[in-house]
C-alpha atoms as a PDB file:
ATOM      1  CA  MET A   1     169.307  36.499 135.062  1.00  0.00           C
ATOM      2  CA  SER A   2     169.394  39.049 137.766  1.00  0.00           C
ATOM      3  CA  ASP A   3     166.756  39.757 140.540  1.00  0.00           C
ATOM      4  CA  THR A   4     165.467  42.879 138.769  1.00  0.00           C
ATOM      5  CA  ASP A   5     164.472  40.830 135.683  1.00  0.00           C
ATOM      6  CA  LEU A   6     162.235  38.712 137.642  1.00  0.00           C
ATOM      7  CA  LYS A   7     160.350  41.307 139.550  1.00  0.00           C
ATOM      8  CA  PRO A   8     157.079  42.554 137.930  1.00  0.00           C
ATOM      9  CA  ARG A   9     157.145  46.013 136.652  1.00  0.00           C
ATOM     10  CA  THR A  10     154.502  48.378 137.938  1.00  0.00           C
ATOM     11  CA  GLU A  11     153.500  51.352 135.964  1.00  0.00           C
ATOM     12  CA  ASN A  12     152.248  54.461 137.418  1.00  0.00           C
ATOM     13  CA  LYS A  13     148.862  55.009 135.996  1.00  0.00           C
ATOM     14  CA  PRO A  14     147.426  58.653 136.182  1.00  0.00           C
ATOM     15  CA  LYS A  15     144.467  58.836 138.417  1.00  0.00           C
ATOM     16  CA  THR A  16     141.273  59.618 136.708  1.00  0.00           C
ATOM     17  CA  GLN A  17     138.791  61.935 138.367  1.00  0.00           C
ATOM     18  CA  LYS A  18     135.103  61.745 138.093  1.00  0.00           C
ATOM     19  CA  PRO A  19     133.787  64.386 135.861  1.00  0.00           C
ATOM     20  CA  LYS A  20     132.208  67.398 137.570  1.00  0.00           C
ATOM     21  CA  LEU A  21     128.428  67.342 137.617  1.00  0.00           C
ATOM     22  CA  TYR A  22     126.118  70.187 136.701  1.00  0.00           C
ATOM     23  CA  LYS A  23     122.486  70.894 137.703  1.00  0.00           C
ATOM     24  CA  VAL A  24     119.924  71.711 135.191  1.00  0.00           C
ATOM     25  CA  LEU A  25     117.632  74.428 136.563  1.00  0.00           C
ATOM     26  CA  LEU A  26     114.181  75.288 135.473  1.00  0.00           C
ATOM     27  CA  ILE A  27     113.586  79.102 135.730  1.00  0.00           C
ATOM     28  CA  ASN A  28     110.005  80.161 136.424  1.00  0.00           C
ATOM     29  CA  ASP A  29     108.189  82.598 134.241  1.00  0.00           C
ATOM     30  CA  ASP A  30     104.600  83.672 134.414  1.00  0.00           C
ATOM     31  CA  TYR A  31     103.796  83.170 130.778  1.00  0.00           C
ATOM     32  CA  THR A  32     104.591  79.557 129.740  1.00  0.00           C
ATOM     33  CA  PRO A  33     101.500  77.353 130.347  1.00  0.00           C
ATOM     34  CA  ARG A  34     101.976  74.614 132.969  1.00  0.00           C
ATOM     35  CA  ASP A  35     100.965  71.867 130.647  1.00  0.00           C
ATOM     36  CA  PHE A  36     103.653  72.887 128.162  1.00  0.00           C
ATOM     37  CA  VAL A  37     106.391  72.921 130.953  1.00  0.00           C
ATOM     38  CA  VAL A  38     105.321  69.376 131.975  1.00  0.00           C
ATOM     39  CA  THR A  39     105.445  68.134 128.466  1.00  0.00           C
ATOM     40  CA  VAL A  40     108.942  69.523 127.953  1.00  0.00           C
ATOM     41  CA  LEU A  41     110.206  68.046 131.058  1.00  0.00           C
ATOM     42  CA  LYS A  42     108.742  64.661 130.230  1.00  0.00           C
ATOM     43  CA  ARG A  43     110.139  64.559 126.726  1.00  0.00           C
ATOM     44  CA  ILE A  44     113.643  66.076 127.172  1.00  0.00           C
ATOM     45  CA  PHE A  45     114.410  64.907 130.694  1.00  0.00           C
ATOM     46  CA  ARG A  46     112.490  61.645 130.534  1.00  0.00           C
ATOM     47  CA  ILE A  47     110.846  61.932 133.825  1.00  0.00           C
ATOM     48  CA  SER A  48     107.303  60.817 134.834  1.00  0.00           C
ATOM     49  CA  GLU A  49     104.308  63.090 134.765  1.00  0.00           C
ATOM     50  CA  ASP A  50     104.101  63.225 138.558  1.00  0.00           C
ATOM     51  CA  GLN A  51     107.874  64.209 138.855  1.00  0.00           C
ATOM     52  CA  ALA A  52     107.413  66.788 135.951  1.00  0.00           C
ATOM     53  CA  TYR A  53     104.437  68.254 137.712  1.00  0.00           C
ATOM     54  CA  ARG A  54     106.359  68.544 141.003  1.00  0.00           C
ATOM     55  CA  VAL A  55     109.391  70.132 139.373  1.00  0.00           C
ATOM     56  CA  MET A  56     107.034  72.646 137.604  1.00  0.00           C
ATOM     57  CA  ILE A  57     105.209  73.574 140.726  1.00  0.00           C
ATOM     58  CA  THR A  58     108.458  73.873 142.767  1.00  0.00           C
ATOM     59  CA  ALA A  59     109.841  76.262 140.210  1.00  0.00           C
ATOM     60  CA  HIS A  60     106.612  78.179 140.127  1.00  0.00           C
ATOM     61  CA  ARG A  61     106.660  78.671 143.992  1.00  0.00           C
ATOM     62  CA  ARG A  62     110.403  79.155 144.558  1.00  0.00           C
ATOM     63  CA  GLY A  63     111.528  80.749 141.296  1.00  0.00           C
ATOM     64  CA  THR A  64     113.798  77.899 140.303  1.00  0.00           C
ATOM     65  CA  CYS A  65     113.980  74.146 140.640  1.00  0.00           C
ATOM     66  CA  VAL A  66     116.666  71.485 139.979  1.00  0.00           C
ATOM     67  CA  VAL A  67     115.386  69.234 137.169  1.00  0.00           C
ATOM     68  CA  ALA A  68     118.339  66.827 137.132  1.00  0.00           C
ATOM     69  CA  VAL A  69     122.077  66.453 137.489  1.00  0.00           C
ATOM     70  CA  TYR A  70     124.374  65.411 134.659  1.00  0.00           C
ATOM     71  CA  THR A  71     127.897  65.805 133.319  1.00  0.00           C
ATOM     72  CA  ARG A  72     128.574  69.230 131.905  1.00  0.00           C
ATOM     73  CA  ASP A  73     128.015  68.390 128.245  1.00  0.00           C
ATOM     74  CA  VAL A  74     124.692  66.471 128.786  1.00  0.00           C
ATOM     75  CA  ALA A  75     123.362  69.237 131.203  1.00  0.00           C
ATOM     76  CA  GLU A  76     124.124  72.005 128.750  1.00  0.00           C
ATOM     77  CA  THR A  77     122.624  70.052 125.804  1.00  0.00           C
ATOM     78  CA  LYS A  78     119.318  69.331 127.738  1.00  0.00           C
ATOM     79  CA  ALA A  79     119.072  72.907 129.008  1.00  0.00           C
ATOM     80  CA  THR A  80     119.495  74.169 125.483  1.00  0.00           C
ATOM     81  CA  GLU A  81     116.897  71.704 124.119  1.00  0.00           C
ATOM     82  CA  GLY A  82     114.367  72.706 126.739  1.00  0.00           C
ATOM     83  CA  THR A  83     114.889  76.512 126.154  1.00  0.00           C
ATOM     84  CA  ASP A  84     114.770  75.988 122.272  1.00  0.00           C
ATOM     85  CA  ALA A  85     111.521  74.017 122.708  1.00  0.00           C
ATOM     86  CA  GLY A  86     109.908  77.051 124.502  1.00  0.00           C
ATOM     87  CA  LEU A  87     111.247  79.498 121.882  1.00  0.00           C
ATOM     88  CA  ARG A  88     109.750  77.382 119.112  1.00  0.00           C
ATOM     89  CA  ALA A  89     106.399  77.448 120.788  1.00  0.00           C
ATOM     90  CA  GLY A  90     106.705  81.102 121.400  1.00  0.00           C
ATOM     91  CA  TYR A  91     107.172  80.857 125.237  1.00  0.00           C
ATOM     92  CA  PRO A  92     109.881  82.266 127.344  1.00  0.00           C
ATOM     93  CA  LEU A  93     110.679  78.854 128.952  1.00  0.00           C
ATOM     94  CA  MET A  94     114.251  78.974 130.267  1.00  0.00           C
ATOM     95  CA  PHE A  95     116.608  76.329 131.565  1.00  0.00           C
ATOM     96  CA  SER A  96     120.138  77.041 132.868  1.00  0.00           C
ATOM     97  CA  THR A  97     122.990  74.988 134.223  1.00  0.00           C
ATOM     98  CA  GLU A  98     125.362  75.525 137.177  1.00  0.00           C
ATOM     99  CA  PRO A  99     128.002  73.368 138.796  1.00  0.00           C
ATOM    100  CA  GLU A 100     127.004  71.156 141.537  1.00  0.00           C
ATOM    101  CA  GLU A 101     128.771  71.778 144.836  1.00  0.00           C
END
């Protein structure tokens, strides 16, 4: 046996990167009732009543508010679910996503 047979072999493993994160934004509108927005936030984003109210008020005052940060697929799915919930109820409720910096 030679020395090379006794040395452990190391493999170069490709480095995995963390997935990029995306923010889900609540876009303010002047037509969707506050209670409905809070209900959607609680149901889809699973946040508390107090948190949902704070997010809704922040969006109302500033025009937009970050609801949560997820991987791209999850963020897009939740934004679509929230927007669709508003459409089904006849409101212009809108959520969007953007990459986190």
